[in-house]
Amino acid sequence: MSETVYIIHQHLEERVRLVDALKGEPVIVKSYDSGEQFLHQVSSTSSGCVLVSVDLPGLRPLMVEIQRRSLALAVVVLGRDSEFTIAVELVRNGAFDFLEDPVSGGRLRSIVRRAVGTAI
């Protein structure tokens, strides 16, 4: 069974870019424009990886809810280097990793492989 990568980004063009970067990977990719939309559709048995923008409105409550539900999801936060302080806080609060955006397709695929492997 393939793992799922959930992309949560408020900008359509960024979601499309991330989906395109994961083409050819043995994962199912689903994308959402908000954390609320994702939380309404994800099940308690979901596993895999979440790619989320550091400037997503409601990111902190999303992280709290993922932990509260004990979802088997590794969260990878995407952001600019100027958002490093926020990224450190998020990693300390359960995020799997932080990637400086824009991220290369190769780097993204490598991190997703690692994240999916730890979420199982």
Protein backbone atom coordinates (compact mmCIF):
# COMPACT_ATOMS: atom_id res chain seq x y z
CA MET A 1 0.00 0.00 0.00
CA SER A 2 1.35 3.42 -0.94
CA GLU A 3 1.83 6.09 1.67
CA THR A 4 0.18 9.47 1.21
CA VAL A 5 1.78 12.90 1.01
CA TYR A 6 -0.62 15.66 2.04
CA ILE A 7 0.30 19.09 0.69
CA ILE A 8 -1.24 22.03 2.53
CA HIS A 9 -0.53 25.42 0.98
CA GLN A 10 -2.75 28.45 0.57
CA HIS A 11 -1.43 29.23 -2.93
CA LEU A 12 -2.59 27.02 -5.82
CA GLU A 13 0.57 27.53 -7.88
CA GLU A 14 2.72 26.31 -4.97
CA ARG A 15 0.54 23.24 -4.47
CA VAL A 16 0.86 22.45 -8.18
CA ARG A 17 4.66 22.92 -8.03
CA LEU A 18 4.97 20.54 -5.09
CA VAL A 19 2.67 17.94 -6.67
CA ASP A 20 4.74 18.10 -9.87
CA ALA A 21 7.97 17.66 -7.90
CA LEU A 22 6.67 14.39 -6.45
CA LYS A 23 5.64 12.85 -9.77
CA GLY A 24 7.23 9.45 -10.19
CA GLU A 25 7.45 8.80 -6.44
CA PRO A 26 5.57 5.74 -5.16
CA VAL A 27 3.21 7.86 -3.05
CA ILE A 28 -0.35 9.11 -3.29
CA VAL A 29 -0.41 12.93 -3.31
CA LYS A 30 -3.36 14.96 -2.03
CA SER A 31 -3.43 18.73 -1.78
CA TYR A 32 -5.44 21.18 0.31
CA ASP A 33 -5.68 24.95 0.50
CA SER A 34 -6.17 25.07 4.28
CA GLY A 35 -5.51 23.13 7.44
CA GLU A 36 -9.24 23.02 8.13
CA GLN A 37 -9.93 21.36 4.76
CA PHE A 38 -7.20 18.80 5.47
CA LEU A 39 -8.47 18.03 8.99
CA HIS A 40 -12.01 17.46 7.73
CA GLN A 41 -10.79 14.87 5.22
CA VAL A 42 -7.95 13.05 6.99
CA SER A 43 -8.85 9.90 8.91
CA SER A 44 -7.43 8.56 12.15
CA THR A 45 -5.80 5.72 10.21
CA SER A 46 -4.02 8.00 7.73
CA SER A 47 -0.26 7.71 7.55
CA GLY A 48 2.47 9.36 5.56
CA CYS A 49 3.76 12.88 5.39
CA VAL A 50 2.35 16.41 5.50
CA LEU A 51 4.09 19.19 3.57
CA VAL A 52 2.89 22.53 4.93
CA SER A 53 3.80 26.17 4.37
CA VAL A 54 5.22 27.97 7.40
CA ASP A 55 3.03 30.99 6.62
CA LEU A 56 -0.19 28.96 6.35
CA PRO A 57 -2.91 30.69 8.36
CA GLY A 58 -3.71 28.47 11.35
CA LEU A 59 -0.46 26.47 11.21
CA ARG A 60 0.03 26.25 14.97
CA PRO A 61 -3.53 25.01 15.66
CA LEU A 62 -3.08 22.52 12.81
CA MET A 63 0.09 21.13 14.43
CA VAL A 64 -1.68 20.89 17.78
CA GLU A 65 -4.62 19.03 16.23
CA ILE A 66 -2.36 16.57 14.39
CA GLN A 67 -0.68 15.76 17.71
CA ARG A 68 -3.97 15.67 19.63
CA ARG A 69 -5.37 13.11 17.18
CA SER A 70 -2.11 11.09 17.35
CA LEU A 71 -2.01 10.94 13.56
CA ALA A 72 0.84 8.86 12.10
CA LEU A 73 1.99 11.76 9.97
CA ALA A 74 5.46 13.29 9.73
CA VAL A 75 5.09 17.05 9.23
CA VAL A 76 7.62 18.84 7.02
CA VAL A 77 7.43 22.64 7.13
CA LEU A 78 8.37 24.69 4.06
CA GLY A 79 9.50 28.29 4.48
CA ARG A 80 12.08 30.97 3.84
CA ASP A 81 15.33 31.18 5.77
CA SER A 82 14.05 34.37 7.45
CA GLU A 83 11.40 32.19 9.14
CA PHE A 84 14.01 30.07 10.91
CA THR A 85 12.87 31.00 14.43
CA ILE A 86 9.34 29.86 13.68
CA ALA A 87 10.69 26.68 12.09
CA VAL A 88 12.71 25.80 15.20
CA GLU A 89 9.59 26.24 17.33
CA LEU A 90 7.58 23.99 15.01
CA VAL A 91 10.23 21.26 14.97
CA ARG A 92 10.38 21.37 18.76
CA ASN A 93 6.60 20.94 18.76
CA GLY A 94 6.53 17.89 16.54
CA ALA A 95 7.42 18.86 12.97
CA PHE A 96 9.67 16.28 11.30
CA ASP A 97 11.81 18.79 9.39
CA PHE A 98 12.03 22.30 7.93
CA LEU A 99 12.91 22.90 4.28
CA GLU A 100 13.89 26.25 2.88
CA ASP A 101 11.48 27.14 0.08
CA PRO A 102 11.82 27.09 -2.84
CA VAL A 103 13.15 23.57 -2.47
CA SER A 104 14.58 21.52 -5.30
CA GLY A 105 12.61 18.51 -6.48
CA GLY A 106 15.42 16.14 -5.52
CA ARG A 107 15.70 17.49 -1.98
CA LEU A 108 11.92 17.43 -1.57
CA ARG A 109 11.68 13.80 -2.72
CA SER A 110 14.53 12.78 -0.40
CA ILE A 111 12.89 14.35 2.66
CA VAL A 112 9.48 12.91 1.74
CA ARG A 113 11.00 9.41 1.51
CA ARG A 114 12.54 9.82 4.97
CA ALA A 115 9.38 11.35 6.44
CA VAL A 116 7.09 8.66 5.05
CA GLY A 117 9.44 6.01 6.41
CA THR A 118 9.25 7.38 9.95
CA ALA A 119 5.49 7.87 9.93
CA ILE A 120 4.67 4.20 9.37
